[in-house]
């Protein structure tokens, strides 16, 4: 797994992608319901971990195919 190192610590690309997806999810919920989410990012990940892992794997797989072309 690739990591990004900062002066504080290092983060996996997967965790950064999750944070990005969380932001997108919150914006979608807000635009549909006109209310903010009432659950945390951690709870959202727990409920959707299989879906999120599959989505990330597909993105990585497609990116690697594009680099090999």
N, C-alpha and C. Protein backbone atom coordinates (compact mmCIF):
# COMPACT_ATOMS: atom_id res chain seq x y z
N UNK A 1 0.85 -1.17 0.00
CA UNK A 1 0.00 0.00 0.00
C UNK A 1 0.90 1.24 0.00
N UNK A 2 0.51 2.22 -0.77
CA UNK A 2 1.28 3.45 -0.85
C UNK A 2 0.84 4.41 0.26
N UNK A 3 1.82 5.13 0.80
CA UNK A 3 1.54 6.08 1.87
C UNK A 3 2.06 7.46 1.48
N UNK A 4 1.43 8.46 2.02
CA UNK A 4 1.89 9.83 1.88
C UNK A 4 2.42 10.25 3.24
N UNK A 5 3.66 10.69 3.28
CA UNK A 5 4.28 11.06 4.54
C UNK A 5 4.22 12.58 4.71
N UNK A 6 3.79 13.01 5.88
CA UNK A 6 3.80 14.42 6.23
C UNK A 6 4.68 14.59 7.46
N UNK A 7 4.81 15.79 7.93
CA UNK A 7 5.62 16.01 9.13
C UNK A 7 4.98 15.37 10.36
N UNK A 8 3.66 15.18 10.33
CA UNK A 8 2.95 14.61 11.47
C UNK A 8 2.96 13.08 11.45
N UNK A 9 2.56 12.50 10.32
CA UNK A 9 2.46 11.05 10.19
C UNK A 9 2.29 10.70 8.72
N UNK A 10 1.94 9.45 8.43
CA UNK A 10 1.69 9.08 7.05
C UNK A 10 0.28 8.50 6.91
N UNK A 11 -0.29 8.74 5.74
CA UNK A 11 -1.65 8.33 5.46
C UNK A 11 -1.67 7.45 4.22
N UNK A 12 -2.49 6.43 4.22
CA UNK A 12 -2.61 5.60 3.02
C UNK A 12 -3.45 6.33 1.98
N UNK A 13 -3.24 5.99 0.73
CA UNK A 13 -4.07 6.55 -0.34
C UNK A 13 -5.53 6.16 -0.12
N UNK A 14 -5.76 4.96 0.40
CA UNK A 14 -7.12 4.50 0.65
C UNK A 14 -7.82 5.40 1.67
N UNK A 15 -7.13 5.75 2.75
CA UNK A 15 -7.74 6.61 3.78
C UNK A 15 -8.02 8.01 3.22
N UNK A 16 -7.14 8.51 2.38
CA UNK A 16 -7.37 9.81 1.76
C UNK A 16 -8.57 9.75 0.80
N UNK A 17 -8.67 8.64 0.06
CA UNK A 17 -9.80 8.45 -0.83
C UNK A 17 -11.10 8.37 -0.03
N UNK A 18 -11.06 7.63 1.10
CA UNK A 18 -12.25 7.53 1.96
C UNK A 18 -12.70 8.91 2.45
N UNK A 19 -11.76 9.73 2.86
CA UNK A 19 -12.10 11.08 3.33
C UNK A 19 -12.76 11.88 2.22
N UNK A 20 -12.27 11.72 1.01
CA UNK A 20 -12.86 12.40 -0.14
C UNK A 20 -14.27 11.89 -0.39
N UNK A 21 -14.47 10.58 -0.32
CA UNK A 21 -15.80 10.00 -0.54
C UNK A 21 -16.77 10.41 0.56
N UNK A 22 -16.28 10.54 1.77
CA UNK A 22 -17.12 10.98 2.89
C UNK A 22 -17.64 12.39 2.63
N UNK A 23 -16.79 13.26 2.15
CA UNK A 23 -17.19 14.63 1.83
C UNK A 23 -18.26 14.64 0.74
N UNK A 24 -18.04 13.84 -0.29
CA UNK A 24 -19.02 13.74 -1.37
C UNK A 24 -20.35 13.22 -0.82
N UNK A 25 -20.29 12.19 0.01
CA UNK A 25 -21.51 11.61 0.61
C UNK A 25 -22.26 12.66 1.43
N UNK A 26 -21.54 13.40 2.26
CA UNK A 26 -22.19 14.42 3.09
C UNK A 26 -22.86 15.49 2.24
N UNK A 27 -22.19 15.90 1.17
CA UNK A 27 -22.78 16.90 0.27
C UNK A 27 -24.03 16.36 -0.42
N UNK A 28 -24.00 15.09 -0.82
CA UNK A 28 -25.18 14.49 -1.44
C UNK A 28 -26.35 14.40 -0.47
N UNK A 29 -26.08 13.97 0.75
CA UNK A 29 -27.14 13.89 1.77
C UNK A 29 -27.73 15.28 2.02
N UNK A 30 -26.87 16.27 2.14
CA UNK A 30 -27.33 17.63 2.38
C UNK A 30 -28.18 18.16 1.23
N UNK A 31 -27.78 17.86 0.00
CA UNK A 31 -28.54 18.36 -1.15
C UNK A 31 -29.89 17.67 -1.30
N UNK A 32 -30.00 16.43 -0.86
CA UNK A 32 -31.27 15.70 -0.99
C UNK A 32 -32.19 15.97 0.18
N UNK A 33 -31.67 15.91 1.39
CA UNK A 33 -32.52 16.02 2.58
C UNK A 33 -32.53 17.42 3.19
N UNK A 34 -31.60 18.28 2.78
CA UNK A 34 -31.44 19.62 3.34
C UNK A 34 -31.08 19.57 4.83
N UNK A 35 -30.50 18.43 5.23
CA UNK A 35 -30.04 18.25 6.61
C UNK A 35 -28.65 17.61 6.57
N UNK A 36 -27.85 17.95 7.57
CA UNK A 36 -26.52 17.35 7.68
C UNK A 36 -26.63 15.91 8.17
N UNK A 37 -25.61 15.12 7.89
CA UNK A 37 -25.61 13.74 8.38
C UNK A 37 -25.55 13.74 9.91
N UNK A 38 -26.16 12.74 10.50
CA UNK A 38 -26.18 12.66 11.97
C UNK A 38 -25.25 11.56 12.46
N UNK A 39 -24.49 10.95 11.57
CA UNK A 39 -23.57 9.86 11.93
C UNK A 39 -22.15 10.26 11.55
N UNK A 40 -21.21 9.57 12.14
CA UNK A 40 -19.80 9.90 11.91
C UNK A 40 -19.25 9.18 10.68
N UNK A 41 -18.11 9.63 10.24
CA UNK A 41 -17.43 8.98 9.12
C UNK A 41 -17.11 7.53 9.46
N UNK A 42 -16.71 7.27 10.69
CA UNK A 42 -16.37 5.92 11.11
C UNK A 42 -17.57 4.98 11.01
N UNK A 43 -18.74 5.45 11.45
CA UNK A 43 -19.96 4.64 11.33
C UNK A 43 -20.35 4.40 9.88
N UNK A 44 -20.20 5.41 9.05
CA UNK A 44 -20.49 5.29 7.63
C UNK A 44 -19.58 4.26 6.98
N UNK A 45 -18.29 4.29 7.33
CA UNK A 45 -17.35 3.31 6.79
C UNK A 45 -17.71 1.91 7.24
N UNK A 46 -18.05 1.75 8.51
CA UNK A 46 -18.43 0.42 9.01
C UNK A 46 -19.64 -0.14 8.28
N UNK A 47 -20.63 0.70 8.02
CA UNK A 47 -21.84 0.23 7.35
C UNK A 47 -21.62 -0.05 5.86
N UNK A 48 -20.63 0.60 5.26
CA UNK A 48 -20.43 0.50 3.81
C UNK A 48 -19.05 -0.04 3.43
N UNK A 49 -18.37 -0.72 4.35
CA UNK A 49 -16.97 -1.09 4.11
C UNK A 49 -16.79 -1.99 2.89
N UNK A 50 -17.69 -2.92 2.65
CA UNK A 50 -17.53 -3.81 1.50
C UNK A 50 -17.72 -3.04 0.19
N UNK A 51 -18.72 -2.20 0.15
CA UNK A 51 -18.96 -1.37 -1.03
C UNK A 51 -17.78 -0.44 -1.29
N UNK A 52 -17.30 0.22 -0.25
CA UNK A 52 -16.20 1.17 -0.41
C UNK A 52 -14.92 0.47 -0.86
N UNK A 53 -14.64 -0.68 -0.28
CA UNK A 53 -13.44 -1.44 -0.67
C UNK A 53 -13.53 -1.86 -2.14
N UNK A 54 -14.72 -2.30 -2.56
CA UNK A 54 -14.92 -2.71 -3.95
C UNK A 54 -14.77 -1.52 -4.90
N UNK A 55 -15.33 -0.38 -4.53
CA UNK A 55 -15.20 0.83 -5.35
C UNK A 55 -13.73 1.24 -5.51
N UNK A 56 -13.01 1.23 -4.40
CA UNK A 56 -11.60 1.62 -4.44
C UNK A 56 -10.80 0.63 -5.29
N UNK A 57 -11.07 -0.65 -5.15
CA UNK A 57 -10.37 -1.66 -5.94
C UNK A 57 -10.62 -1.47 -7.43
N UNK A 58 -11.85 -1.15 -7.79
CA UNK A 58 -12.17 -0.90 -9.19
C UNK A 58 -11.45 0.32 -9.73
N UNK A 59 -11.35 1.35 -8.92
CA UNK A 59 -10.64 2.56 -9.34
C UNK A 59 -9.17 2.26 -9.55
N UNK A 60 -8.56 1.55 -8.63
CA UNK A 60 -7.14 1.19 -8.74
C UNK A 60 -6.91 0.31 -9.96
N UNK A 61 -7.80 -0.65 -10.16
CA UNK A 61 -7.67 -1.56 -11.30
C UNK A 61 -7.76 -0.78 -12.62
N UNK A 62 -8.72 0.13 -12.72
CA UNK A 62 -8.89 0.92 -13.94
C UNK A 62 -7.72 1.87 -14.16
N UNK A 63 -7.20 2.45 -13.08
CA UNK A 63 -6.05 3.34 -13.20
C UNK A 63 -4.83 2.58 -13.69
N UNK A 64 -4.62 1.39 -13.20
CA UNK A 64 -3.45 0.61 -13.63
C UNK A 64 -3.58 0.20 -15.10
N UNK A 65 -4.80 -0.07 -15.56
CA UNK A 65 -5.01 -0.38 -16.97
C UNK A 65 -4.69 0.82 -17.84
N UNK A 66 -5.10 2.01 -17.40
CA UNK A 66 -4.84 3.23 -18.17
C UNK A 66 -3.34 3.53 -18.24
N UNK A 67 -2.60 3.24 -17.19
CA UNK A 67 -1.16 3.48 -17.20
C UNK A 67 -0.43 2.50 -18.12
N UNK A 68 -0.98 1.31 -18.29
CA UNK A 68 -0.33 0.31 -19.12
C UNK A 68 -0.64 0.45 -20.60
N UNK A 69 -1.57 1.31 -20.95
CA UNK A 69 -1.93 1.50 -22.37
C UNK A 69 -0.95 2.38 -23.07
